[in-house]
Amino acid sequence: MSEVNTPVPVDPRDVELRELVFAGHIDRATERAIRAYGPELVGWLCSMVPSEADAYDAFSWLSEELWRSLRNFDGRCSVRTWCYMLARHAASRVRTPRQQQEILVSEIPSVVQAAQEVWSTTLVGARRAEDVYAQLRRELDDEDQALLVLRVDRGLPWHDIAIVLLGQDADGDAVKRKAATLRKQFERIKEHLRASAAKRLED
């Protein structure tokens, strides 16, 4: 059954966050965004990186980068989508060998406290389940994993998923083309998971 495009409800959290950002209240907007979307971002990161330690590093970097980047937020996507774009960069960052870097967000106590509280309260619920589907999902390549989590677990619209995967500088036509490609890709992933799970359960 094909999906039907329906209007995406306005998220009151996003309205509030946009008002804070455009009024120049970046510290407060960062804290509110972390508290609003942090639990699901922690879950996303735990599903995308090899270990909880890496997920913690990625979430710390994400918190810092969110604070820095909201100054450049232009409203072309939701703040939630912006956070997922940063989360994807954070996941890539911790999977790449690098020198340790200081997380400077510690200079903003309210943001640090929000990040620490979100991490500690979400961690238990974010542990990956060791079932057949979870194992199969981890075997997918990075983009397929990202697509599955963003669409199934987070319910992001195709347009927003395309922005997360392409980046904020992608033009409108590129985003539309990517969104159309992602729909077909998503159907292939679902069929692959169904077939592979059925086979493994039979073994």
Protein backbone atom coordinates (compact mmCIF):
# COMPACT_ATOMS: atom_id res chain seq x y z
CA MET A 1 0.00 0.00 0.00
CA SER A 2 1.52 3.31 -1.08
CA GLU A 3 1.90 6.14 1.37
CA VAL A 4 -0.19 9.28 0.98
CA ASN A 5 1.33 12.67 1.61
CA THR A 6 -0.43 14.39 4.48
CA PRO A 7 0.32 17.75 6.10
CA VAL A 8 2.85 17.48 8.90
CA PRO A 9 1.41 18.89 12.16
CA VAL A 10 3.21 21.93 13.52
CA ASP A 11 5.32 20.95 16.50
CA PRO A 12 4.77 23.56 19.26
CA ARG A 13 8.27 22.82 20.52
CA ASP A 14 9.68 23.87 17.18
CA VAL A 15 7.67 27.09 17.22
CA GLU A 16 9.08 27.96 20.64
CA LEU A 17 12.64 27.06 19.63
CA ARG A 18 12.49 29.13 16.46
CA GLU A 19 11.28 32.13 18.44
CA LEU A 20 14.19 31.76 20.88
CA VAL A 21 16.76 31.36 18.09
CA PHE A 22 15.53 34.30 16.03
CA ALA A 23 15.41 36.44 19.18
CA GLY A 24 19.09 35.62 19.78
CA HIS A 25 18.57 33.48 22.90
CA ILE A 26 20.94 30.76 21.72
CA ASP A 27 21.88 29.36 25.14
CA ARG A 28 18.25 28.92 26.15
CA ALA A 29 17.29 27.52 22.73
CA THR A 30 20.10 24.97 22.92
CA GLU A 31 19.05 23.81 26.39
CA ARG A 32 15.39 23.54 25.36
CA ALA A 33 16.27 21.65 22.18
CA ILE A 34 18.42 19.16 24.10
CA ARG A 35 15.65 18.54 26.63
CA ALA A 36 13.00 18.26 23.90
CA TYR A 37 14.84 16.05 21.43
CA GLY A 38 17.78 14.72 23.44
CA PRO A 39 16.21 11.37 24.46
CA GLU A 40 15.46 10.39 20.87
CA LEU A 41 18.86 11.66 19.70
CA VAL A 42 20.58 9.49 22.32
CA GLY A 43 18.61 6.50 21.04
CA TRP A 44 19.57 7.34 17.47
CA LEU A 45 23.26 7.64 18.34
CA CYS A 46 23.27 4.38 20.32
CA SER A 47 21.86 2.63 17.27
CA MET A 48 24.39 4.19 14.88
CA VAL A 49 27.77 3.90 16.63
CA PRO A 50 29.72 0.89 17.97
CA SER A 51 29.53 1.53 21.71
CA GLU A 52 27.87 3.56 24.44
CA ALA A 53 31.17 5.36 25.01
CA ASP A 54 31.17 6.47 21.38
CA ALA A 55 27.51 7.47 21.69
CA TYR A 56 28.37 9.59 24.72
CA ASP A 57 31.20 11.31 22.81
CA ALA A 58 28.89 11.91 19.87
CA PHE A 59 26.13 13.33 22.07
CA SER A 60 28.61 15.65 23.78
CA TRP A 61 29.87 16.87 20.42
CA LEU A 62 26.29 17.24 19.19
CA SER A 63 25.39 19.40 22.19
CA GLU A 64 28.38 21.65 21.56
CA GLU A 65 27.80 21.87 17.83
CA LEU A 66 24.11 22.62 18.31
CA TRP A 67 24.99 25.61 20.47
CA ARG A 68 27.45 26.84 17.85
CA SER A 69 25.35 26.16 14.77
CA LEU A 70 22.00 27.59 15.91
CA ARG A 71 23.47 31.03 15.16
CA ASN A 72 23.33 30.00 11.49
CA PHE A 73 19.89 28.37 11.63
CA ASP A 74 17.78 29.92 8.87
CA GLY A 75 14.47 28.13 9.40
CA ARG A 76 14.45 26.11 6.16
CA CYS A 77 13.88 22.95 8.19
CA SER A 78 12.63 22.20 11.69
CA VAL A 79 14.99 22.44 14.66
CA ARG A 80 14.42 18.69 15.13
CA THR A 81 15.65 18.01 11.60
CA TRP A 82 18.61 20.30 12.23
CA CYS A 83 19.46 18.24 15.33
CA TYR A 84 19.36 14.99 13.36
CA MET A 85 21.61 16.48 10.70
CA LEU A 86 24.13 17.28 13.44
CA ALA A 87 23.62 13.84 15.00
CA ARG A 88 24.51 12.17 11.71
CA HIS A 89 27.70 14.24 11.52
CA ALA A 90 28.46 13.33 15.14
CA ALA A 91 28.04 9.60 14.43
CA SER A 92 30.38 9.86 11.43
CA ARG A 93 32.86 11.79 13.53
CA VAL A 94 33.21 9.16 16.26
CA ARG A 95 33.58 6.39 13.67
CA THR A 96 36.56 8.20 12.12
CA PRO A 97 40.02 8.00 13.79
CA ARG A 98 40.82 11.39 15.26
CA GLN A 99 42.65 13.17 18.01
CA GLN A 100 40.72 13.80 21.20
CA GLN A 101 39.14 17.25 21.29
CA GLU A 102 37.86 19.28 24.18
CA ILE A 103 34.11 19.78 24.40
CA LEU A 104 33.78 23.49 25.09
CA VAL A 105 30.10 23.39 25.87
CA SER A 106 31.10 23.14 29.55
CA GLU A 107 31.28 26.95 29.57
CA ILE A 108 27.45 26.98 29.45
CA PRO A 109 26.29 25.28 32.68
CA SER A 110 22.61 25.09 31.74
CA VAL A 111 23.40 23.29 28.48
CA VAL A 112 25.81 20.91 30.19
CA GLN A 113 23.25 20.05 32.85
CA ALA A 114 20.56 19.42 30.22
CA ALA A 115 22.86 17.16 28.20
CA GLN A 116 23.96 15.17 31.26
CA GLU A 117 20.40 14.72 32.54
CA VAL A 118 19.12 13.63 29.14
CA TRP A 119 21.98 11.18 28.71
CA SER A 120 21.64 9.58 32.15
CA THR A 121 17.84 9.28 32.06
CA THR A 122 17.70 7.98 28.49
CA LEU A 123 20.57 5.51 28.51
CA VAL A 124 18.69 2.55 29.95
CA GLY A 125 15.92 2.85 27.38
CA ALA A 126 18.38 3.37 24.55
CA ARG A 127 20.26 0.07 24.91
CA ARG A 128 20.00 -1.93 21.71
CA ALA A 129 17.82 -5.04 21.82
CA GLU A 130 19.58 -8.25 20.90
CA ASP A 131 16.86 -9.70 18.70
CA VAL A 132 16.89 -10.79 15.08
CA TYR A 133 15.66 -7.51 13.63
CA ALA A 134 18.12 -5.44 15.67
CA GLN A 135 21.00 -7.60 14.44
CA LEU A 136 19.84 -7.33 10.84
CA ARG A 137 19.47 -3.57 11.11
CA ARG A 138 23.05 -3.24 12.38
CA GLU A 139 24.25 -5.13 9.33
CA LEU A 140 22.81 -2.53 6.96
CA ASP A 141 25.09 0.15 5.56
CA ASP A 142 25.15 3.57 7.22
CA GLU A 143 22.62 5.29 4.97
CA ASP A 144 20.15 2.39 5.11
CA GLN A 145 20.40 2.37 8.91
CA ALA A 146 19.92 6.11 9.05
CA LEU A 147 16.92 5.93 6.73
CA LEU A 148 15.27 3.15 8.74
CA VAL A 149 15.68 4.87 12.10
CA LEU A 150 14.63 8.30 10.85
CA ARG A 151 11.53 7.00 9.08
CA VAL A 152 10.38 4.12 11.32
CA ASP A 153 11.63 5.08 14.77
CA ARG A 154 11.42 8.87 14.49
CA GLY A 155 8.67 9.35 11.91
CA LEU A 156 10.41 12.17 10.04
CA PRO A 157 8.83 13.28 6.72
CA TRP A 158 10.67 12.25 3.54
CA HIS A 159 11.61 15.86 2.84
CA ASP A 160 13.30 16.18 6.23
CA ILE A 161 15.11 12.85 5.90
CA ALA A 162 16.48 13.99 2.56
CA ILE A 163 17.81 17.16 4.21
CA VAL A 164 19.43 15.14 7.02
CA LEU A 165 21.22 12.91 4.49
CA LEU A 166 22.13 15.60 1.95
CA GLY A 167 22.95 18.50 4.27
CA GLN A 168 21.50 21.96 4.69
CA ASP A 169 23.04 23.35 1.48
CA ALA A 170 21.15 21.00 -0.87
CA ASP A 171 18.80 22.86 -3.22
CA GLY A 172 15.08 22.18 -3.41
CA ASP A 173 15.23 20.03 -6.54
CA ALA A 174 17.99 17.85 -5.09
CA VAL A 175 15.96 17.37 -1.91
CA LYS A 176 12.87 16.34 -3.93
CA ARG A 177 14.87 13.86 -6.00
CA LYS A 178 16.51 12.41 -2.90
CA ALA A 179 13.14 12.09 -1.15
CA ALA A 180 11.72 10.14 -4.11
CA THR A 181 14.77 7.86 -4.16
CA LEU A 182 14.51 7.29 -0.41
CA ARG A 183 10.91 6.08 -0.71
CA LYS A 184 11.99 3.31 -3.10
CA GLN A 185 15.07 2.56 -1.02
CA PHE A 186 12.90 2.25 2.09
CA GLU A 187 10.63 -0.33 0.43
CA ARG A 188 13.68 -2.40 -0.62
CA ILE A 189 15.06 -2.29 2.94
CA LYS A 190 11.76 -3.45 4.43
CA GLU A 191 11.52 -6.36 2.01
CA HIS A 192 15.13 -7.34 2.70
CA LEU A 193 14.55 -7.31 6.46
CA ARG A 194 11.37 -9.36 6.21
CA ALA A 195 12.99 -12.01 4.02
CA SER A 196 16.22 -12.17 6.04
CA ALA A 197 14.40 -12.34 9.38
CA ALA A 198 12.15 -15.15 8.15
CA LYS A 199 15.19 -17.11 6.99
CA ARG A 200 17.09 -16.67 10.25
CA LEU A 201 14.10 -17.60 12.36
CA GLU A 202 13.81 -20.82 10.39
CA ASP A 203 17.49 -21.75 10.99
